[in-house]
PDB file of N, CA and C in Angstrom:
ATOM      1  N   MET A   1      51.355  24.246 -15.943  1.00  0.00           N
ATOM      2  CA  MET A   1      52.400  23.527 -16.813  1.00  0.00           C
ATOM      3  C   MET A   1      51.695  22.169 -17.447  1.00  0.00           C
ATOM      4  N   PRO A   2      51.792  22.161 -18.844  1.00  0.00           N
ATOM      5  CA  PRO A   2      51.084  21.014 -19.431  1.00  0.00           C
ATOM      6  C   PRO A   2      51.837  19.801 -18.995  1.00  0.00           C
ATOM      7  N   ASN A   3      50.955  18.701 -18.912  1.00  0.00           N
ATOM      8  CA  ASN A   3      51.412  17.255 -18.621  1.00  0.00           C
ATOM      9  C   ASN A   3      51.723  16.790 -20.151  1.00  0.00           C
ATOM     10  N   TRP A   4      52.745  16.885 -20.744  1.00  0.00           N
ATOM     11  CA  TRP A   4      53.031  16.486 -22.081  1.00  0.00           C
ATOM     12  C   TRP A   4      52.796  14.957 -22.331  1.00  0.00           C
ATOM     13  N   PHE A   5      53.242  14.202 -21.339  1.00  0.00           N
ATOM     14  CA  PHE A   5      52.932  12.677 -21.583  1.00  0.00           C
ATOM     15  C   PHE A   5      51.433  12.422 -21.532  1.00  0.00           C
ATOM     16  N   ARG A   6      50.768  13.023 -20.773  1.00  0.00           N
ATOM     17  CA  ARG A   6      49.217  12.796 -20.691  1.00  0.00           C
ATOM     18  C   ARG A   6      48.643  13.236 -22.113  1.00  0.00           C
ATOM     19  N   HIS A   7      49.106  14.446 -22.581  1.00  0.00           N
ATOM     20  CA  HIS A   7      48.649  14.904 -23.775  1.00  0.00           C
ATOM     21  C   HIS A   7      48.911  13.833 -24.788  1.00  0.00           C
ATOM     22  N   LEU A   8      49.973  13.358 -24.923  1.00  0.00           N
ATOM     23  CA  LEU A   8      50.433  12.363 -25.948  1.00  0.00           C
ATOM     24  C   LEU A   8      49.355  11.075 -25.973  1.00  0.00           C
ATOM     25  N   GLU A   9      49.105  10.642 -24.641  1.00  0.00           N
ATOM     26  CA  GLU A   9      48.208   9.475 -24.453  1.00  0.00           C
ATOM     27  C   GLU A   9      46.791   9.850 -24.854  1.00  0.00           C
ATOM     28  N   GLU A  10      46.527  11.076 -24.741  1.00  0.00           N
ATOM     29  CA  GLU A  10      45.036  11.505 -25.114  1.00  0.00           C
ATOM     30  C   GLU A  10      44.943  11.822 -26.684  1.00  0.00           C
ATOM     31  N   ALA A  11      46.000  11.777 -27.330  1.00  0.00           N
ATOM     32  CA  ALA A  11      45.823  11.992 -28.918  1.00  0.00           C
ATOM     33  C   ALA A  11      44.976  10.840 -29.479  1.00  0.00           C
ATOM     34  N   SER A  12      44.111  11.234 -30.323  1.00  0.00           N
ATOM     35  CA  SER A  12      43.211  10.359 -30.906  1.00  0.00           C
ATOM     36  C   SER A  12      43.540   9.874 -32.396  1.00  0.00           C
ATOM     37  N   ASN A  13      44.467  10.462 -32.868  1.00  0.00           N
ATOM     38  CA  ASN A  13      45.053  10.116 -34.314  1.00  0.00           C
ATOM     39  C   ASN A  13      46.316  10.733 -34.390  1.00  0.00           C
ATOM     40  N   THR A  14      47.075  10.353 -35.484  1.00  0.00           N
ATOM     41  CA  THR A  14      48.409  10.592 -35.784  1.00  0.00           C
ATOM     42  C   THR A  14      48.592  12.097 -35.933  1.00  0.00           C
ATOM     43  N   GLU A  15      47.661  12.837 -36.585  1.00  0.00           N
ATOM     44  CA  GLU A  15      47.819  14.373 -36.850  1.00  0.00           C
ATOM     45  C   GLU A  15      47.704  14.964 -35.502  1.00  0.00           C
ATOM     46  N   GLU A  16      46.853  14.528 -34.746  1.00  0.00           N
ATOM     47  CA  GLU A  16      46.794  15.116 -33.173  1.00  0.00           C
ATOM     48  C   GLU A  16      48.039  14.951 -32.522  1.00  0.00           C
ATOM     49  N   LEU A  17      48.592  13.782 -32.768  1.00  0.00           N
ATOM     50  CA  LEU A  17      49.727  13.597 -31.945  1.00  0.00           C
ATOM     51  C   LEU A  17      50.927  14.452 -32.362  1.00  0.00           C
ATOM     52  N   ILE A  18      51.026  14.536 -33.694  1.00  0.00           N
ATOM     53  CA  ILE A  18      52.119  15.427 -34.333  1.00  0.00           C
ATOM     54  C   ILE A  18      51.895  16.832 -33.923  1.00  0.00           C
ATOM     55  N   ALA A  19      50.752  17.282 -33.701  1.00  0.00           N
ATOM     56  CA  ALA A  19      50.434  18.620 -33.382  1.00  0.00           C
ATOM     57  C   ALA A  19      50.915  18.833 -31.972  1.00  0.00           C
ATOM     58  N   ILE A  20      50.843  17.883 -31.144  1.00  0.00           N
ATOM     59  CA  ILE A  20      51.143  17.924 -29.655  1.00  0.00           C
ATOM     60  C   ILE A  20      52.635  17.878 -29.604  1.00  0.00           C
ATOM     61  N   VAL A  21      53.324  16.989 -30.499  1.00  0.00           N
ATOM     62  CA  VAL A  21      54.775  16.991 -30.462  1.00  0.00           C
ATOM     63  C   VAL A  21      55.347  18.498 -30.845  1.00  0.00           C
ATOM     64  N   ARG A  22      54.774  18.978 -31.922  1.00  0.00           N
ATOM     65  CA  ARG A  22      55.290  20.368 -32.396  1.00  0.00           C
ATOM     66  C   ARG A  22      55.042  21.264 -31.192  1.00  0.00           C
ATOM     67  N   ASP A  23      53.885  21.282 -30.619  1.00  0.00           N
ATOM     68  CA  ASP A  23      53.661  22.328 -29.597  1.00  0.00           C
ATOM     69  C   ASP A  23      54.661  22.072 -28.424  1.00  0.00           C
ATOM     70  N   HIS A  24      54.964  20.934 -28.018  1.00  0.00           N
ATOM     71  CA  HIS A  24      56.053  20.547 -26.936  1.00  0.00           C
ATOM     72  C   HIS A  24      57.315  21.221 -27.434  1.00  0.00           C
ATOM     73  N   PHE A  25      57.874  20.868 -28.677  1.00  0.00           N
ATOM     74  CA  PHE A  25      59.034  21.340 -29.199  1.00  0.00           C
ATOM     75  C   PHE A  25      59.004  22.940 -29.166  1.00  0.00           C
ATOM     76  N   ALA A  26      57.907  23.623 -29.276  1.00  0.00           N
ATOM     77  CA  ALA A  26      57.910  25.173 -29.420  1.00  0.00           C
ATOM     78  C   ALA A  26      58.099  25.637 -28.004  1.00  0.00           C
ATOM     79  N   THR A  27      58.142  24.771 -27.044  1.00  0.00           N
ATOM     80  CA  THR A  27      58.381  25.352 -25.513  1.00  0.00           C
ATOM     81  C   THR A  27      59.922  25.343 -25.223  1.00  0.00           C
ATOM     82  N   TRP A  28      60.656  24.598 -26.083  1.00  0.00           N
ATOM     83  CA  TRP A  28      62.198  24.590 -25.883  1.00  0.00           C
ATOM     84  C   TRP A  28      62.581  26.001 -26.434  1.00  0.00           C
ATOM     85  N   THR A  29      63.585  26.300 -25.311  1.00  0.00           N
ATOM     86  CA  THR A  29      64.143  27.652 -25.674  1.00  0.00           C
ATOM     87  C   THR A  29      65.532  27.588 -26.595  1.00  0.00           C
ATOM     88  N   PRO A  30      65.820  28.622 -27.405  1.00  0.00           N
ATOM     89  CA  PRO A  30      67.095  28.318 -28.191  1.00  0.00           C
ATOM     90  C   PRO A  30      68.180  27.886 -27.417  1.00  0.00           C
ATOM     91  N   HIS A  31      68.331  28.351 -26.280  1.00  0.00           N
ATOM     92  CA  HIS A  31      69.561  27.854 -25.358  1.00  0.00           C
ATOM     93  C   HIS A  31      69.327  26.457 -25.180  1.00  0.00           C
ATOM     94  N   GLU A  32      68.226  25.895 -24.808  1.00  0.00           N
ATOM     95  CA  GLU A  32      67.978  24.468 -24.474  1.00  0.00           C
ATOM     96  C   GLU A  32      68.351  23.597 -25.856  1.00  0.00           C
ATOM     97  N   LEU A  33      67.849  24.076 -26.929  1.00  0.00           N
ATOM     98  CA  LEU A  33      68.185  23.447 -28.255  1.00  0.00           C
ATOM     99  C   LEU A  33      69.605  23.362 -28.550  1.00  0.00           C
ATOM    100  N   SER A  34      70.164  24.376 -28.204  1.00  0.00           N
ATOM    101  CA  SER A  34      71.640  24.511 -28.678  1.00  0.00           C
ATOM    102  C   SER A  34      72.486  23.600 -27.693  1.00  0.00           C
ATOM    103  N   LEU A  35      71.944  23.218 -26.460  1.00  0.00           N
ATOM    104  CA  LEU A  35      72.796  21.988 -25.684  1.00  0.00           C
ATOM    105  C   LEU A  35      72.684  20.708 -26.553  1.00  0.00           C
ATOM    106  N   LEU A  36      71.767  20.335 -27.385  1.00  0.00           N
ATOM    107  CA  LEU A  36      71.682  19.113 -27.991  1.00  0.00           C
ATOM    108  C   LEU A  36      72.637  18.965 -29.174  1.00  0.00           C
ATOM    109  N   PRO A  37      72.984  17.792 -29.513  1.00  0.00           N
ATOM    110  CA  PRO A  37      73.881  17.495 -30.748  1.00  0.00           C
ATOM    111  C   PRO A  37      73.069  18.132 -31.779  1.00  0.00           C
ATOM    112  N   PRO A  38      73.642  18.562 -32.908  1.00  0.00           N
ATOM    113  CA  PRO A  38      73.013  19.018 -34.143  1.00  0.00           C
ATOM    114  C   PRO A  38      71.978  18.001 -34.646  1.00  0.00           C
ATOM    115  N   SER A  39      72.415  16.638 -34.770  1.00  0.00           N
ATOM    116  CA  SER A  39      71.659  15.598 -35.219  1.00  0.00           C
ATOM    117  C   SER A  39      70.211  15.378 -34.466  1.00  0.00           C
ATOM    118  N   CYS A  40      70.262  15.816 -33.310  1.00  0.00           N
ATOM    119  CA  CYS A  40      69.118  15.415 -32.278  1.00  0.00           C
ATOM    120  C   CYS A  40      68.368  16.778 -31.997  1.00  0.00           C
ATOM    121  N   ARG A  41      68.432  17.873 -32.799  1.00  0.00           N
ATOM    122  CA  ARG A  41      67.649  18.996 -32.595  1.00  0.00           C
ATOM    123  C   ARG A  41      66.234  18.716 -33.617  1.00  0.00           C
ATOM    124  N   PRO A  42      65.258  19.087 -32.953  1.00  0.00           N
ATOM    125  CA  PRO A  42      64.003  18.702 -33.672  1.00  0.00           C
ATOM    126  C   PRO A  42      63.836  19.703 -34.823  1.00  0.00           C
ATOM    127  N   GLY A  43      63.501  19.054 -35.959  1.00  0.00           N
ATOM    128  CA  GLY A  43      63.484  19.963 -37.133  1.00  0.00           C
ATOM    129  C   GLY A  43      61.974  19.916 -37.681  1.00  0.00           C
ATOM    130  N   LYS A  44      61.694  20.010 -38.964  1.00  0.00           N
ATOM    131  CA  LYS A  44      60.179  20.044 -39.206  1.00  0.00           C
ATOM    132  C   LYS A  44      59.522  18.682 -38.766  1.00  0.00           C
ATOM    133  N   MET A  45      58.457  18.780 -38.207  1.00  0.00           N
ATOM    134  CA  MET A  45      57.686  17.588 -37.688  1.00  0.00           C
ATOM    135  C   MET A  45      56.306  17.567 -38.334  1.00  0.00           C
ATOM    136  N   LYS A  46      56.268  16.924 -39.458  1.00  0.00           N
ATOM    137  CA  LYS A  46      54.929  16.922 -40.147  1.00  0.00           C
ATOM    138  C   LYS A  46      54.360  15.708 -40.280  1.00  0.00           C
ATOM    139  N   SER A  47      55.057  14.636 -39.819  1.00  0.00           N
ATOM    140  CA  SER A  47      54.513  13.383 -40.022  1.00  0.00           C
ATOM    141  C   SER A  47      55.142  12.362 -38.844  1.00  0.00           C
ATOM    142  N   ALA A  48      54.555  11.168 -38.816  1.00  0.00           N
ATOM    143  CA  ALA A  48      55.114  10.115 -37.867  1.00  0.00           C
ATOM    144  C   ALA A  48      56.540   9.740 -38.395  1.00  0.00           C
ATOM    145  N   GLY A  49      56.737   9.709 -39.799  1.00  0.00           N
ATOM    146  CA  GLY A  49      58.018   9.505 -40.384  1.00  0.00           C
ATOM    147  C   GLY A  49      59.047  10.277 -39.602  1.00  0.00           C
ATOM    148  N   ASN A  50      58.637  11.698 -39.703  1.00  0.00           N
ATOM    149  CA  ASN A  50      59.699  12.625 -39.034  1.00  0.00           C
ATOM    150  C   ASN A  50      59.996  12.324 -37.554  1.00  0.00           C
ATOM    151  N   LEU A  51      58.903  12.000 -36.880  1.00  0.00           N
ATOM    152  CA  LEU A  51      58.967  11.630 -35.435  1.00  0.00           C
ATOM    153  C   LEU A  51      59.953  10.239 -35.337  1.00  0.00           C
ATOM    154  N   GLU A  52      59.842   9.550 -36.240  1.00  0.00           N
ATOM    155  CA  GLU A  52      60.643   8.179 -36.124  1.00  0.00           C
ATOM    156  C   GLU A  52      62.062   8.552 -36.463  1.00  0.00           C
ATOM    157  N   GLU A  53      62.441   9.458 -37.452  1.00  0.00           N
ATOM    158  CA  GLU A  53      63.818   9.755 -37.670  1.00  0.00           C
ATOM    159  C   GLU A  53      64.406  10.507 -36.423  1.00  0.00           C
ATOM    160  N   LEU A  54      63.633  11.247 -35.867  1.00  0.00           N
ATOM    161  CA  LEU A  54      64.231  12.005 -34.677  1.00  0.00           C
ATOM    162  C   LEU A  54      64.324  10.986 -33.639  1.00  0.00           C
ATOM    163  N   HIS A  55      63.483  10.096 -33.356  1.00  0.00           N
ATOM    164  CA  HIS A  55      63.635   8.960 -32.425  1.00  0.00           C
ATOM    165  C   HIS A  55      64.900   8.133 -32.681  1.00  0.00           C
ATOM    166  N   ALA A  56      65.098   7.832 -33.910  1.00  0.00           N
ATOM    167  CA  ALA A  56      66.396   7.052 -34.248  1.00  0.00           C
ATOM    168  C   ALA A  56      67.453   7.826 -33.971  1.00  0.00           C
ATOM    169  N   SER A  57      67.699   9.094 -34.335  1.00  0.00           N
ATOM    170  CA  SER A  57      68.735   9.922 -34.206  1.00  0.00           C
ATOM    171  C   SER A  57      69.110  10.057 -32.639  1.00  0.00           C
ATOM    172  N   LEU A  58      68.005  10.263 -31.841  1.00  0.00           N
ATOM    173  CA  LEU A  58      68.232  10.289 -30.510  1.00  0.00           C
ATOM    174  C   LEU A  58      68.857   9.295 -29.723  1.00  0.00           C
ATOM    175  N   VAL A  59      68.091   8.300 -30.083  1.00  0.00           N
ATOM    176  CA  VAL A  59      68.560   6.660 -29.554  1.00  0.00           C
ATOM    177  C   VAL A  59      70.125   6.594 -29.680  1.00  0.00           C
ATOM    178  N   GLU A  60      70.356   6.610 -30.896  1.00  0.00           N
ATOM    179  CA  GLU A  60      71.811   6.432 -31.462  1.00  0.00           C
ATOM    180  C   GLU A  60      72.772   7.467 -30.724  1.00  0.00           C
ATOM    181  N   ALA A  61      72.396   8.845 -30.750  1.00  0.00           N
ATOM    182  CA  ALA A  61      73.285   9.626 -29.932  1.00  0.00           C
ATOM    183  C   ALA A  61      73.304   9.691 -28.546  1.00  0.00           C
ATOM    184  N   TYR A  62      72.153   9.033 -27.880  1.00  0.00           N
ATOM    185  CA  TYR A  62      72.238   8.813 -26.384  1.00  0.00           C
ATOM    186  C   TYR A  62      72.958   7.703 -26.068  1.00  0.00           C
ATOM    187  N   ARG A  63      72.979   6.557 -27.101  1.00  0.00           N
ATOM    188  CA  ARG A  63      73.920   5.428 -26.785  1.00  0.00           C
ATOM    189  C   ARG A  63      75.301   5.810 -26.701  1.00  0.00           C
ATOM    190  N   THR A  64      75.753   6.767 -27.488  1.00  0.00           N
ATOM    191  CA  THR A  64      77.257   7.047 -27.601  1.00  0.00           C
ATOM    192  C   THR A  64      77.564   8.436 -27.052  1.00  0.00           C
ATOM    193  N   THR A  65      76.757   9.120 -26.256  1.00  0.00           N
ATOM    194  CA  THR A  65      76.912  10.419 -25.732  1.00  0.00           C
ATOM    195  C   THR A  65      78.134  10.415 -24.666  1.00  0.00           C
ATOM    196  N   THR A  66      78.640  11.639 -24.925  1.00  0.00           N
ATOM    197  CA  THR A  66      79.779  12.031 -23.728  1.00  0.00           C
ATOM    198  C   THR A  66      79.220  13.300 -23.091  1.00  0.00           C
ATOM    199  N   LEU A  67      77.916  13.641 -23.391  1.00  0.00           N
ATOM    200  CA  LEU A  67      77.517  14.874 -22.735  1.00  0.00           C
ATOM    201  C   LEU A  67      77.274  14.780 -21.227  1.00  0.00           C
ATOM    202  N   GLU A  68      77.481  15.924 -20.451  1.00  0.00           N
ATOM    203  CA  GLU A  68      77.397  15.918 -19.028  1.00  0.00           C
ATOM    204  C   GLU A  68      76.393  17.157 -18.704  1.00  0.00           C
ATOM    205  N   GLY A  69      76.149  17.102 -17.442  1.00  0.00           N
ATOM    206  CA  GLY A  69      75.421  18.312 -16.900  1.00  0.00           C
ATOM    207  C   GLY A  69      74.091  18.630 -17.564  1.00  0.00           C
ATOM    208  N   GLU A  70      74.035  19.915 -17.849  1.00  0.00           N
ATOM    209  CA  GLU A  70      72.856  20.563 -18.392  1.00  0.00           C
ATOM    210  C   GLU A  70      72.604  19.949 -19.792  1.00  0.00           C
ATOM    211  N   ALA A  71      73.541  19.787 -20.665  1.00  0.00           N
ATOM    212  CA  ALA A  71      73.235  19.101 -21.858  1.00  0.00           C
ATOM    213  C   ALA A  71      72.948  17.833 -21.785  1.00  0.00           C
ATOM    214  N   LEU A  72      73.354  17.054 -20.913  1.00  0.00           N
ATOM    215  CA  LEU A  72      72.940  15.593 -20.700  1.00  0.00           C
ATOM    216  C   LEU A  72      71.542  15.618 -20.380  1.00  0.00           C
ATOM    217  N   VAL A  73      71.089  16.460 -19.275  1.00  0.00           N
ATOM    218  CA  VAL A  73      69.800  16.577 -18.915  1.00  0.00           C
ATOM    219  C   VAL A  73      68.762  16.986 -19.886  1.00  0.00           C
ATOM    220  N   ALA A  74      69.154  17.922 -20.858  1.00  0.00           N
ATOM    221  CA  ALA A  74      68.302  18.377 -22.104  1.00  0.00           C
ATOM    222  C   ALA A  74      68.079  17.261 -22.759  1.00  0.00           C
ATOM    223  N   MET A  75      69.161  16.295 -23.257  1.00  0.00           N
ATOM    224  CA  MET A  75      68.994  15.253 -24.102  1.00  0.00           C
ATOM    225  C   MET A  75      68.134  14.086 -23.509  1.00  0.00           C
ATOM    226  N   GLN A  76      68.190  14.012 -22.190  1.00  0.00           N
ATOM    227  CA  GLN A  76      67.475  12.887 -21.508  1.00  0.00           C
ATOM    228  C   GLN A  76      65.997  13.368 -21.664  1.00  0.00           C
ATOM    229  N   ARG A  77      65.753  14.603 -21.334  1.00  0.00           N
ATOM    230  CA  ARG A  77      64.228  15.163 -21.435  1.00  0.00           C
ATOM    231  C   ARG A  77      63.790  15.072 -22.721  1.00  0.00           C
ATOM    232  N   LEU A  78      64.470  15.367 -23.779  1.00  0.00           N
ATOM    233  CA  LEU A  78      63.972  15.093 -25.111  1.00  0.00           C
ATOM    234  C   LEU A  78      63.840  13.734 -25.556  1.00  0.00           C
ATOM    235  N   THR A  79      64.671  12.917 -25.224  1.00  0.00           N
ATOM    236  CA  THR A  79      64.702  11.472 -25.516  1.00  0.00           C
ATOM    237  C   THR A  79      63.397  10.832 -24.872  1.00  0.00           C
ATOM    238  N   SER A  80      63.347  11.043 -23.575  1.00  0.00           N
ATOM    239  CA  SER A  80      62.175  10.686 -22.884  1.00  0.00           C
ATOM    240  C   SER A  80      60.875  10.952 -23.485  1.00  0.00           C
ATOM    241  N   PHE A  81      60.704  12.171 -24.018  1.00  0.00           N
ATOM    242  CA  PHE A  81      59.388  12.651 -24.697  1.00  0.00           C
ATOM    243  C   PHE A  81      59.357  11.876 -26.042  1.00  0.00           C
ATOM    244  N   VAL A  82      60.321  11.906 -26.785  1.00  0.00           N
ATOM    245  CA  VAL A  82      60.240  11.544 -28.181  1.00  0.00           C
ATOM    246  C   VAL A  82      59.889   9.950 -28.097  1.00  0.00           C
ATOM    247  N   VAL A  83      60.602   9.213 -27.146  1.00  0.00           N
ATOM    248  CA  VAL A  83      60.347   7.800 -27.019  1.00  0.00           C
ATOM    249  C   VAL A  83      58.871   7.659 -26.737  1.00  0.00           C
ATOM    250  N   ARG A  84      58.246   8.432 -25.757  1.00  0.00           N
ATOM    251  CA  ARG A  84      56.864   8.186 -25.470  1.00  0.00           C
ATOM    252  C   ARG A  84      55.846   8.663 -26.689  1.00  0.00           C
ATOM    253  N   ALA A  85      56.374   9.671 -27.440  1.00  0.00           N
ATOM    254  CA  ALA A  85      55.527   9.993 -28.614  1.00  0.00           C
ATOM    255  C   ALA A  85      55.677   8.995 -29.696  1.00  0.00           C
ATOM    256  N   SER A  86      56.908   8.368 -29.822  1.00  0.00           N
ATOM    257  CA  SER A  86      57.018   7.183 -30.939  1.00  0.00           C
ATOM    258  C   SER A  86      56.147   6.010 -30.553  1.00  0.00           C
ATOM    259  N   MET A  87      55.983   5.744 -29.259  1.00  0.00           N
ATOM    260  CA  MET A  87      55.280   4.395 -28.760  1.00  0.00           C
ATOM    261  C   MET A  87      53.906   4.838 -29.012  1.00  0.00           C
ATOM    262  N   ARG A  88      53.411   6.047 -28.768  1.00  0.00           N
ATOM    263  CA  ARG A  88      52.037   6.505 -28.899  1.00  0.00           C
ATOM    264  C   ARG A  88      51.587   6.336 -30.401  1.00  0.00           C
ATOM    265  N   SER A  89      52.515   6.818 -31.236  1.00  0.00           N
ATOM    266  CA  SER A  89      52.494   6.797 -32.633  1.00  0.00           C
ATOM    267  C   SER A  89      52.233   5.306 -33.130  1.00  0.00           C
ATOM    268  N   ALA A  90      53.007   4.392 -32.714  1.00  0.00           N
ATOM    269  CA  ALA A  90      52.931   3.131 -33.057  1.00  0.00           C
ATOM    270  C   ALA A  90      51.558   2.327 -32.553  1.00  0.00           C
ATOM    271  N   GLN A  91      51.078   2.952 -31.408  1.00  0.00           N
ATOM    272  CA  GLN A  91      49.776   2.375 -30.936  1.00  0.00           C
ATOM    273  C   GLN A  91      48.548   2.884 -31.850  1.00  0.00           C
ATOM    274  N   LEU A  92      48.633   4.298 -32.108  1.00  0.00           N
ATOM    275  CA  LEU A  92      47.766   4.914 -33.089  1.00  0.00           C
ATOM    276  C   LEU A  92      47.825   3.936 -34.440  1.00  0.00           C
ATOM    277  N   HIS A  93      48.996   3.632 -34.952  1.00  0.00           N
ATOM    278  CA  HIS A  93      49.144   3.046 -36.252  1.00  0.00           C
ATOM    279  C   HIS A  93      48.444   1.568 -36.164  1.00  0.00           C
ATOM    280  N   GLU A  94      48.554   0.903 -34.877  1.00  0.00           N
ATOM    281  CA  GLU A  94      47.975  -0.331 -34.675  1.00  0.00           C
ATOM    282  C   GLU A  94      46.602  -0.218 -34.884  1.00  0.00           C
ATOM    283  N   ASP A  95      46.035   0.862 -34.269  1.00  0.00           N
ATOM    284  CA  ASP A  95      44.529   0.931 -34.102  1.00  0.00           C
ATOM    285  C   ASP A  95      43.972   1.328 -35.464  1.00  0.00           C
ATOM    286  N   ASP A  96      44.730   2.021 -36.173  1.00  0.00           N
ATOM    287  CA  ASP A  96      44.212   2.286 -37.709  1.00  0.00           C
ATOM    288  C   ASP A  96      44.230   1.114 -38.486  1.00  0.00           C
ATOM    289  N   ALA A  97      45.193   0.164 -38.315  1.00  0.00           N
ATOM    290  CA  ALA A  97      45.324  -1.166 -38.894  1.00  0.00           C
ATOM    291  C   ALA A  97      44.224  -2.151 -38.577  1.00  0.00           C
ATOM    292  N   ALA A  98      43.802  -1.929 -37.364  1.00  0.00           N
ATOM    293  CA  ALA A  98      42.608  -3.036 -36.875  1.00  0.00           C
ATOM    294  C   ALA A  98      41.351  -2.722 -37.524  1.00  0.00           C
TER     295      ALA A  98
END
């Protein structure tokens, strides 16, 4: 089983990071995705901007969620991953700017 957080940290550029994010999303089953609110389901992930949009949607939905059980666990799992990916994206952007 891949350690997705480790893979995020090992990404050396934004393109690599987005590829890891897409690979991770591909492991989610249709059932798991259906548990998420529609605004939080991963869509096309082509850039850091797409990642940031999903991050914002997840944070807002998580803040106001009434989900429980399996649906809440799915949302927490996705939010945790996307937050870490977003943080790594910001680090890579800082590295590029330096």
